[in-house]
Amino acid sequence: MFLACSDGGEGTGPFEPGAAPPRRSNIILIVIDTLRADHLGAYGYARKTSPNIDALAAQSLVYERAISPAPWTTPAIGALLTSLYPTTLGIDDRQSSLAEEHLLLSEVLQRRGWATGAVISHHFCSSRWNFDQGFDAFDESNVQGHRAVTSPAVTDRGLEFITAREGEPFFLWLHYFDPHVAYVEHEGHTFPDEGAYRGPIASGQDFKTLLAIKPSITTADLGELRRLYDSDIAFTDHAVGRLLEGLKTRGLYDDAVVILTADHGEEFFERGGLGHAKTVHQELIHVPLMIKLPGVEPRRITEPVSLVDIYPTILEFLDEPVPDGLAGRSILPEALDTAGGRHPVFSETRRGNDMRAVIDGDVKLLVNRRTGRSEFYRLDSDPAERHDLAAREPEEVARLRSLMDTWVRRSEARVRPGADVTLSPEEREQLEALGYRE
């Protein structure tokens, strides 16, 4: 059995006499880019955007308060795959890759006998950023920019990988991109335009066009943006449903571990902004997280958890040793039930801003290092963060600031940045159309 070493490496010692062999479940990790939790039926949304995801949720552990470590793709998915926070990964506002020294979940599973594959559809988690570490097959054919519609092809490539690995355990990461701007209305996945909208918002507009509209945007415009965004979600949900049905027809679904989450959310002028990356408010960091585990009863979990927790959770469920030095912890129900006490989770961004947040139970502190401002919210009574109580509750602010400072020191003590990525003019133009500006 592989053994964890103190430096995060692995040994190759034998199984202990009499020990049960580890589980060899297939693992499917579904990450949907830019998917807000509150736009899914499983999280209380009224529109029927997500029947297939909701059906998966009904068979899963559903984490009602999952938090992304960052509000943009590279640090968020990097944190998920390494169980390390963005500061430790050295990812800030530059085009920073993952350092090869970080041990990705894919590398651990590959070394322990799983066939590993990925199908991705965004530059910011591509091989250019070293996200291909530990993958036997890494399909980037759907990295096509804001005008491309790629969810059907992501499912097709994923099912091809599954078919080719019949009979051997596999880990497959699928990254769906369509809810990201440009928001597109998809035939068969539309929602009624109840107000007969006649404004400037249209299907397929890039981020530059939306920014030009921003100074005069109206409530009706925002409603149309959300309607188009919901069409993208419903279209992606259909592709996810086809993937899950493909597992079922192959007899693989019941015994598979299926994780569905998002890298970050999206803001629709809750605080005057559009898109993502610049703040750590809930509309950007509250993400869906559901984990279907064979033999584990469905359950809704209200304790705050982080995407960094997925890596150790999967290894623990598989009865595989967990490498030392991870920032996450197991969030299996029995682990949460026996851990005792609250466990703070964190989020941060330095892309277009410099903000950090800590959530501890029902309370949240945000610190903007550019302005020096601290904001304090009670999420149980104010989930939209409308009432800053920092001036009223200085003791709680000080307590949470101490938690944040300790976390920052620990994260900074282990920084291993990757190399900067130099983008071509064409790549820069494509990313700017997606809303990523220097």
Protein backbone atom coordinates (compact mmCIF):
# COMPACT_ATOMS: atom_id res chain seq x y z
CA MET A 1 0.00 0.00 0.00
CA PHE A 2 1.29 3.47 -0.79
CA LEU A 3 2.34 5.34 2.31
CA ALA A 4 2.30 9.10 2.84
CA CYS A 5 5.69 10.62 3.58
CA SER A 6 6.41 13.68 5.67
CA ASP A 7 7.34 15.75 2.64
CA GLY A 8 4.07 14.99 0.87
CA GLY A 9 5.66 12.23 -1.26
CA GLU A 10 4.70 8.56 -1.34
CA GLY A 11 6.24 5.23 -0.52
CA THR A 12 5.41 1.85 -2.01
CA GLY A 13 5.14 -0.38 1.04
CA PRO A 14 3.01 -3.55 1.02
CA PHE A 15 -0.50 -3.88 2.41
CA GLU A 16 -0.64 -4.51 6.13
CA PRO A 17 -1.58 -8.13 6.91
CA GLY A 18 -5.32 -8.51 7.23
CA ALA A 19 -6.06 -4.96 6.04
CA ALA A 20 -8.97 -4.45 3.69
CA PRO A 21 -7.89 -3.53 0.16
CA PRO A 22 -8.63 0.04 -0.89
CA ARG A 23 -11.75 0.83 -2.91
CA ARG A 24 -11.21 0.96 -6.67
CA SER A 25 -14.20 3.11 -7.57
CA ASN A 26 -14.24 5.10 -10.77
CA ILE A 27 -14.17 8.84 -10.05
CA ILE A 28 -15.79 11.53 -12.19
CA LEU A 29 -15.07 15.15 -11.28
CA ILE A 30 -17.38 17.61 -13.04
CA VAL A 31 -16.44 21.29 -12.80
CA ILE A 32 -18.84 23.76 -14.41
CA ASP A 33 -17.23 27.13 -14.99
CA THR A 34 -18.95 30.25 -13.60
CA LEU A 35 -21.90 28.37 -12.05
CA ARG A 36 -23.61 30.10 -9.14
CA ALA A 37 -25.08 27.74 -6.56
CA ASP A 38 -28.23 29.83 -6.27
CA HIS A 39 -29.12 29.27 -9.95
CA LEU A 40 -29.71 25.52 -9.44
CA GLY A 41 -32.93 23.89 -8.34
CA ALA A 42 -31.02 21.84 -5.77
CA TYR A 43 -30.16 25.14 -4.07
CA GLY A 44 -33.67 26.59 -4.23
CA TYR A 45 -33.78 28.29 -7.64
CA ALA A 46 -37.28 28.64 -9.11
CA ARG A 47 -36.39 28.29 -12.80
CA LYS A 48 -35.98 24.75 -14.09
CA THR A 49 -32.35 25.23 -15.08
CA SER A 50 -30.92 21.96 -13.77
CA PRO A 51 -33.12 18.82 -13.76
CA ASN A 52 -30.19 16.46 -14.32
CA ILE A 53 -27.95 18.10 -11.74
CA ASP A 54 -30.87 18.17 -9.30
CA ALA A 55 -31.40 14.43 -9.82
CA LEU A 56 -27.72 13.85 -9.06
CA ALA A 57 -28.06 16.01 -5.95
CA ALA A 58 -30.93 13.84 -4.73
CA GLN A 59 -28.50 10.90 -4.63
CA SER A 60 -25.55 12.83 -3.18
CA LEU A 61 -24.08 14.58 -0.24
CA VAL A 62 -25.08 18.18 -0.97
CA TYR A 63 -22.93 20.84 0.66
CA GLU A 64 -25.14 23.88 1.01
CA ARG A 65 -22.31 26.27 1.87
CA ALA A 66 -19.36 25.27 -0.30
CA ILE A 67 -16.82 28.05 -0.79
CA SER A 68 -14.35 28.51 -3.64
CA PRO A 69 -10.83 29.52 -2.58
CA ALA A 70 -10.82 32.16 -5.33
CA PRO A 71 -13.30 33.89 -7.68
CA TRP A 72 -11.50 33.01 -10.92
CA THR A 73 -10.47 29.83 -12.64
CA THR A 74 -6.73 29.24 -12.28
CA PRO A 75 -6.43 29.60 -8.49
CA ALA A 76 -9.82 28.01 -7.83
CA ILE A 77 -9.26 24.80 -9.81
CA GLY A 78 -5.59 24.82 -8.83
CA ALA A 79 -6.67 24.80 -5.18
CA LEU A 80 -9.17 22.01 -5.85
CA LEU A 81 -6.60 19.76 -7.55
CA THR A 82 -3.79 20.43 -5.02
CA SER A 83 -5.71 21.05 -1.77
CA LEU A 84 -3.60 24.18 -1.32
CA TYR A 85 -4.79 27.77 -1.17
CA PRO A 86 -3.87 30.23 -3.97
CA THR A 87 -1.23 32.04 -1.88
CA THR A 88 0.67 28.79 -1.40
CA LEU A 89 0.33 28.08 -5.12
CA GLY A 90 1.83 31.50 -5.86
CA ILE A 91 -1.10 32.47 -8.09
CA ASP A 92 -1.96 36.16 -7.96
CA ASP A 93 -2.90 38.63 -10.70
CA ARG A 94 -0.25 37.43 -13.13
CA GLN A 95 -0.53 34.56 -15.60
CA SER A 96 0.90 32.07 -13.09
CA SER A 97 1.14 28.34 -13.72
CA LEU A 98 1.06 25.49 -11.21
CA ALA A 99 4.51 24.58 -9.94
CA GLU A 100 5.54 21.01 -10.72
CA GLU A 101 6.40 20.47 -7.05
CA HIS A 102 2.71 20.49 -6.10
CA LEU A 103 1.21 17.00 -5.95
CA LEU A 104 -2.10 17.04 -7.82
CA LEU A 105 -4.92 14.64 -7.03
CA SER A 106 -4.48 13.26 -10.54
CA GLU A 107 -0.84 12.41 -9.80
CA VAL A 108 -1.73 10.59 -6.58
CA LEU A 109 -4.40 8.51 -8.30
CA GLN A 110 -2.23 7.83 -11.33
CA ARG A 111 0.56 6.49 -9.12
CA ARG A 112 -1.92 4.31 -7.27
CA GLY A 113 -3.33 2.60 -10.32
CA TRP A 114 -6.10 4.77 -11.75
CA ALA A 115 -6.19 5.67 -15.43
CA THR A 116 -6.44 9.45 -15.49
CA GLY A 117 -8.07 11.70 -18.05
CA ALA A 118 -9.26 15.27 -18.42
CA VAL A 119 -11.37 17.17 -20.92
CA ILE A 120 -11.05 20.91 -20.39
CA SER A 121 -12.43 23.99 -22.17
CA HIS A 122 -10.66 27.07 -20.79
CA HIS A 123 -7.15 28.47 -21.23
CA PHE A 124 -6.80 29.11 -17.51
CA CYS A 125 -6.76 25.40 -16.61
CA SER A 126 -4.90 24.12 -19.65
CA SER A 127 -1.49 22.52 -20.08
CA ARG A 128 -0.04 26.02 -20.55
CA TRP A 129 -0.70 26.44 -16.82
CA ASN A 130 0.61 22.92 -15.97
CA PHE A 131 -2.82 21.49 -15.17
CA ASP A 132 -1.99 18.37 -17.18
CA GLN A 133 0.24 16.95 -14.43
CA GLY A 134 -0.70 13.36 -13.63
CA PHE A 135 -3.07 12.86 -16.56
CA ASP A 136 -2.62 10.00 -19.02
CA ALA A 137 -4.92 11.81 -21.46
CA PHE A 138 -5.48 15.58 -21.44
CA ASP A 139 -7.92 16.78 -24.08
CA GLU A 140 -7.78 20.52 -24.82
CA SER A 141 -9.66 20.48 -28.11
CA ASN A 142 -12.51 22.51 -26.59
CA VAL A 143 -10.38 25.48 -25.52
CA GLN A 144 -11.95 27.72 -28.14
CA GLY A 145 -12.85 31.05 -26.55
CA HIS A 146 -16.03 32.95 -25.79
CA ARG A 147 -17.85 32.27 -29.05
CA ALA A 148 -17.59 28.48 -28.86
CA VAL A 149 -20.35 26.23 -27.52
CA THR A 150 -18.56 23.20 -26.13
CA SER A 151 -20.64 21.29 -23.57
CA PRO A 152 -21.79 18.57 -26.01
CA ALA A 153 -18.22 17.94 -27.16
CA VAL A 154 -16.92 17.80 -23.57
CA THR A 155 -19.44 15.06 -22.84
CA ASP A 156 -18.55 13.23 -26.09
CA ARG A 157 -14.82 13.27 -25.29
CA GLY A 158 -15.51 12.16 -21.72
CA LEU A 159 -17.60 9.18 -22.84
CA GLU A 160 -14.88 8.22 -25.33
CA PHE A 161 -12.34 8.15 -22.50
CA ILE A 162 -14.66 6.03 -20.35
CA THR A 163 -15.27 3.54 -23.15
CA ALA A 164 -11.55 3.19 -23.82
CA ARG A 165 -10.84 2.43 -20.15
CA GLU A 166 -13.44 -0.29 -19.68
CA GLY A 167 -12.37 -2.74 -16.98
CA GLU A 168 -9.80 -0.52 -15.25
CA PRO A 169 -10.46 2.11 -12.57
CA PHE A 170 -10.33 5.65 -13.87
CA PHE A 171 -10.34 9.25 -12.70
CA LEU A 172 -11.93 11.63 -15.19
CA TRP A 173 -12.07 15.42 -14.81
CA LEU A 174 -14.54 17.18 -17.07
CA HIS A 175 -14.55 20.97 -17.29
CA TYR A 176 -17.67 22.57 -18.82
CA PHE A 177 -17.41 26.21 -19.87
CA ASP A 178 -20.67 27.38 -21.42
CA PRO A 179 -22.14 29.37 -18.47
CA HIS A 180 -19.16 31.71 -18.80
CA VAL A 181 -19.72 34.89 -20.83
CA ALA A 182 -20.73 35.10 -23.65
CA TYR A 183 -24.21 34.18 -22.40
CA VAL A 184 -26.04 32.35 -25.16
CA GLU A 185 -29.69 31.44 -25.58
CA HIS A 186 -29.89 27.80 -26.64
CA GLU A 187 -32.81 26.37 -28.58
CA GLY A 188 -34.72 23.94 -26.42
CA HIS A 189 -33.28 25.44 -23.23
CA THR A 190 -34.99 28.81 -23.07
CA PHE A 191 -37.06 30.58 -20.48
CA PRO A 192 -40.00 32.87 -21.25
CA ASP A 193 -39.23 36.52 -21.83
CA GLU A 194 -42.09 37.60 -19.62
CA GLY A 195 -41.44 41.31 -20.06
CA ALA A 196 -41.10 41.29 -23.87
CA TYR A 197 -37.57 42.62 -23.50
CA ARG A 198 -36.46 45.11 -26.17
CA GLY A 199 -33.21 46.48 -24.71
CA PRO A 200 -29.53 46.28 -25.76
CA ILE A 201 -28.72 42.86 -24.25
CA ALA A 202 -28.51 40.07 -26.83
CA SER A 203 -27.41 36.46 -26.98
CA GLY A 204 -23.69 35.95 -27.57
CA GLN A 205 -22.30 39.37 -26.61
CA ASP A 206 -18.69 39.39 -25.46
CA PHE A 207 -17.53 41.07 -22.28
CA LYS A 208 -16.30 44.23 -24.02
CA THR A 209 -19.76 44.82 -25.44
CA LEU A 210 -21.36 44.31 -22.04
CA LEU A 211 -18.92 46.75 -20.45
CA ALA A 212 -19.93 49.38 -23.00
CA ILE A 213 -23.55 48.92 -21.93
CA LYS A 214 -22.71 48.97 -18.23
CA PRO A 215 -23.15 52.73 -17.53
CA SER A 216 -26.78 52.65 -18.67
CA ILE A 217 -27.80 49.17 -17.60
CA THR A 218 -31.33 48.81 -16.24
CA THR A 219 -33.20 46.30 -14.11
CA ALA A 220 -34.73 44.88 -17.28
CA ASP A 221 -31.24 44.49 -18.80
CA LEU A 222 -30.08 42.56 -15.74
CA GLY A 223 -33.12 40.32 -15.99
CA GLU A 224 -32.25 39.54 -19.59
CA LEU A 225 -28.63 38.79 -18.69
CA ARG A 226 -29.78 36.34 -16.02
CA ARG A 227 -32.22 34.74 -18.45
CA LEU A 228 -29.45 34.12 -20.99
CA TYR A 229 -27.13 32.88 -18.26
CA ASP A 230 -29.84 30.45 -17.14
CA SER A 231 -30.17 29.15 -20.71
CA ASP A 232 -26.43 28.40 -20.68
CA ILE A 233 -26.86 26.53 -17.39
CA ALA A 234 -29.79 24.50 -18.71
CA PHE A 235 -27.83 23.66 -21.87
CA THR A 236 -24.87 22.50 -19.79
CA ASP A 237 -27.18 20.54 -17.49
CA HIS A 238 -28.42 18.61 -20.54
CA ALA A 239 -24.83 17.70 -21.44
CA VAL A 240 -24.16 16.58 -17.86
CA GLY A 241 -27.32 14.49 -17.99
CA ARG A 242 -26.09 12.77 -21.13
CA LEU A 243 -22.80 11.99 -19.39
CA LEU A 244 -24.57 10.49 -16.38
CA GLU A 245 -26.85 8.47 -18.65
CA GLY A 246 -23.75 7.19 -20.46
CA LEU A 247 -22.39 5.93 -17.15
CA LYS A 248 -25.70 4.22 -16.41
CA THR A 249 -25.94 2.47 -19.79
CA ARG A 250 -22.41 1.16 -19.28
CA GLY A 251 -23.29 -0.15 -15.82
CA LEU A 252 -20.82 2.21 -14.16
CA TYR A 253 -23.01 4.79 -12.43
CA ASP A 254 -24.02 3.08 -9.20
CA ASP A 255 -20.49 2.23 -8.08
CA ALA A 256 -18.91 5.49 -9.27
CA VAL A 257 -17.88 8.48 -7.20
CA VAL A 258 -19.36 11.53 -8.92
CA ILE A 259 -18.42 15.05 -7.79
CA LEU A 260 -20.05 18.12 -9.28
CA THR A 261 -18.96 21.64 -8.43
CA ALA A 262 -17.97 25.00 -9.95
CA ASP A 263 -14.78 27.02 -9.88
CA HIS A 264 -16.59 30.26 -8.97
CA GLY A 265 -19.84 32.14 -9.43
CA GLU A 266 -20.80 35.28 -11.32
CA GLU A 267 -21.88 38.76 -10.27
CA PHE A 268 -24.78 40.61 -11.84
CA PHE A 269 -24.31 44.10 -10.41
CA GLU A 270 -24.94 43.06 -6.78
CA ARG A 271 -22.15 45.51 -5.96
CA GLY A 272 -21.96 47.34 -9.26
CA GLY A 273 -19.85 44.79 -11.09
CA LEU A 274 -20.33 42.21 -13.83
CA GLY A 275 -18.37 39.01 -14.30
CA HIS A 276 -16.01 37.67 -11.65
CA ALA A 277 -12.46 37.67 -10.23
CA LYS A 278 -12.41 40.97 -8.33
CA THR A 279 -14.22 40.32 -5.03
CA VAL A 280 -14.81 37.53 -2.53
CA HIS A 281 -18.47 38.26 -1.90
CA GLN A 282 -20.89 35.34 -1.84
CA GLU A 283 -22.15 35.72 -5.41
CA LEU A 284 -18.61 34.84 -6.57
CA ILE A 285 -17.41 32.27 -4.04
CA HIS A 286 -20.55 30.34 -3.01
CA VAL A 287 -20.51 27.38 -5.38
CA PRO A 288 -22.45 24.14 -5.71
CA LEU A 289 -20.85 20.98 -4.38
CA MET A 290 -22.42 17.55 -4.47
CA ILE A 291 -20.65 14.23 -4.06
CA LYS A 292 -22.32 10.92 -4.90
CA LEU A 293 -20.59 8.12 -3.04
CA PRO A 294 -21.56 4.45 -3.46
CA GLY A 295 -23.05 3.13 -0.24
CA VAL A 296 -23.40 6.56 1.37
CA GLU A 297 -26.89 7.87 2.01
CA PRO A 298 -27.84 11.25 0.54
CA ARG A 299 -27.63 14.11 3.01
CA ARG A 300 -27.57 17.89 3.05
CA ILE A 301 -24.67 19.41 4.97
CA THR A 302 -24.87 22.98 6.24
CA GLU A 303 -21.35 23.41 7.62
CA PRO A 304 -19.13 25.66 5.48
CA VAL A 305 -16.63 23.65 3.42
CA SER A 306 -14.01 24.52 0.80
CA LEU A 307 -13.04 23.16 -2.59
CA VAL A 308 -9.65 22.33 -1.01
CA ASP A 309 -11.52 19.66 0.95
CA ILE A 310 -12.43 17.57 -2.11
CA TYR A 311 -8.96 16.02 -2.59
CA PRO A 312 -8.56 14.54 0.94
CA THR A 313 -12.25 13.55 1.03
CA ILE A 314 -11.97 11.40 -2.09
CA LEU A 315 -8.78 9.71 -0.91
CA GLU A 316 -10.29 8.96 2.49
CA PHE A 317 -13.38 7.45 0.91
CA LEU A 318 -11.14 5.26 -1.28
CA ASP A 319 -9.22 4.11 1.84
CA GLU A 320 -6.09 5.59 0.30
CA PRO A 321 -3.44 7.42 2.37
CA VAL A 322 -3.76 11.20 2.27
CA PRO A 323 -0.48 13.08 1.60
CA ASP A 324 0.79 15.30 4.38
CA GLY A 325 0.63 19.06 4.14
CA LEU A 326 -2.75 19.52 2.47
CA ALA A 327 -4.83 22.54 3.42
CA GLY A 328 -8.10 20.62 3.18
CA ARG A 329 -9.69 18.00 5.40
CA SER A 330 -12.14 15.16 4.90
CA ILE A 331 -15.73 16.34 4.72
CA LEU A 332 -17.28 12.89 4.73
CA PRO A 333 -20.26 12.94 7.12
CA GLU A 334 -18.57 10.78 9.74
CA ALA A 335 -15.50 13.03 9.67
CA LEU A 336 -17.61 16.16 10.15
CA ASP A 337 -19.68 14.50 12.86
CA THR A 338 -16.63 13.52 14.90
CA ALA A 339 -14.37 16.53 14.26
CA GLY A 340 -16.15 18.82 16.72
CA GLY A 341 -16.10 22.60 16.59
CA ARG A 342 -16.21 24.95 13.61
CA HIS A 343 -13.63 24.88 10.84
CA PRO A 344 -12.94 28.19 9.09
CA VAL A 345 -12.67 28.38 5.32
CA PHE A 346 -10.95 31.06 3.28
CA SER A 347 -11.05 32.77 -0.10
CA GLU A 348 -8.80 35.32 -1.76
CA THR A 349 -8.20 37.27 -4.94
CA ARG A 350 -5.47 39.54 -6.23
CA ARG A 351 -6.80 39.84 -9.75
CA GLY A 352 -7.94 43.43 -10.18
CA ASN A 353 -8.14 43.77 -6.40
CA ASP A 354 -6.57 42.47 -3.19
CA MET A 355 -9.23 40.89 -0.99
CA ARG A 356 -9.39 38.04 1.48
CA ALA A 357 -12.28 36.45 3.33
CA VAL A 358 -12.73 34.04 6.20
CA ILE A 359 -16.01 32.27 6.97
CA ASP A 360 -16.37 30.68 10.38
CA GLY A 361 -19.78 29.14 10.90
CA ASP A 362 -22.36 31.82 10.17
CA VAL A 363 -20.02 34.82 10.25
CA LYS A 364 -17.75 36.24 7.56
CA LEU A 365 -14.98 38.82 7.49
CA LEU A 366 -13.71 40.46 4.30
CA VAL A 367 -10.51 42.49 4.25
CA ASN A 368 -9.61 44.73 1.32
CA ARG A 369 -5.87 45.28 1.55
CA ARG A 370 -5.94 48.08 -1.04
CA THR A 371 -8.39 50.24 0.88
CA GLY A 372 -7.78 48.90 4.38
CA ARG A 373 -11.51 48.34 4.81
CA SER A 374 -12.90 45.38 6.77
CA GLU A 375 -16.48 44.15 6.34
CA PHE A 376 -18.29 41.80 8.72
CA TYR A 377 -21.47 39.90 7.92
CA ARG A 378 -23.77 37.41 9.63
CA LEU A 379 -24.63 35.11 6.75
CA ASP A 380 -27.45 33.29 8.54
CA SER A 381 -29.55 36.47 8.63
CA ASP A 382 -27.87 38.34 5.76
CA PRO A 383 -26.79 35.84 3.06
CA ALA A 384 -26.58 38.59 0.41
CA GLU A 385 -24.12 40.61 2.54
CA ARG A 386 -26.14 43.82 2.61
CA HIS A 387 -25.51 44.86 6.22
CA ASP A 388 -21.89 45.44 7.22
CA LEU A 389 -21.69 45.01 11.01
CA ALA A 390 -17.95 45.62 11.39
CA ALA A 391 -18.43 48.80 13.43
CA ARG A 392 -20.96 47.12 15.72
CA GLU A 393 -19.04 43.92 16.45
CA PRO A 394 -15.35 44.80 16.81
CA GLU A 395 -14.59 41.76 18.98
CA GLU A 396 -15.81 39.36 16.31
CA VAL A 397 -13.88 41.31 13.68
CA ALA A 398 -10.72 40.98 15.76
CA ARG A 399 -11.29 37.24 16.29
CA LEU A 400 -11.78 36.56 12.61
CA ARG A 401 -8.85 38.80 11.68
CA SER A 402 -6.67 36.66 13.95
CA LEU A 403 -7.87 33.49 12.14
CA MET A 404 -7.12 35.12 8.80
CA ASP A 405 -3.66 36.31 9.85
CA THR A 406 -2.74 32.81 11.06
CA TRP A 407 -3.93 31.29 7.79
CA VAL A 408 -1.98 33.86 5.75
CA ARG A 409 1.24 33.15 7.67
CA ARG A 410 0.85 29.41 7.12
CA SER A 411 0.04 29.84 3.44
CA GLU A 412 2.92 32.23 2.79
CA ALA A 413 5.41 30.01 4.63
CA ARG A 414 4.95 27.31 1.96
CA VAL A 415 4.78 29.37 -1.24
CA ARG A 416 5.96 27.51 -4.34
CA PRO A 417 5.02 29.63 -7.37
CA GLY A 418 5.03 28.29 -10.88
CA ALA A 419 6.46 30.04 -13.89
CA ASP A 420 4.70 33.00 -15.47
CA VAL A 421 2.92 32.22 -18.72
CA THR A 422 3.57 34.52 -21.67
CA LEU A 423 0.46 35.00 -23.75
CA SER A 424 0.35 35.71 -27.45
CA PRO A 425 -1.60 38.79 -28.66
CA GLU A 426 -4.33 36.45 -29.91
CA GLU A 427 -4.60 34.72 -26.53
CA ARG A 428 -4.77 38.06 -24.74
CA GLU A 429 -7.54 39.22 -27.04
CA GLN A 430 -9.48 36.02 -26.47
CA LEU A 431 -9.17 36.28 -22.70
CA GLU A 432 -10.18 39.95 -22.74
CA ALA A 433 -13.36 38.94 -24.59
CA LEU A 434 -14.03 36.64 -21.64
CA GLY A 435 -13.62 39.49 -19.16
CA TYR A 436 -10.02 38.89 -18.09
CA ARG A 437 -8.09 42.13 -18.36
CA GLU A 438 -4.65 42.97 -17.05
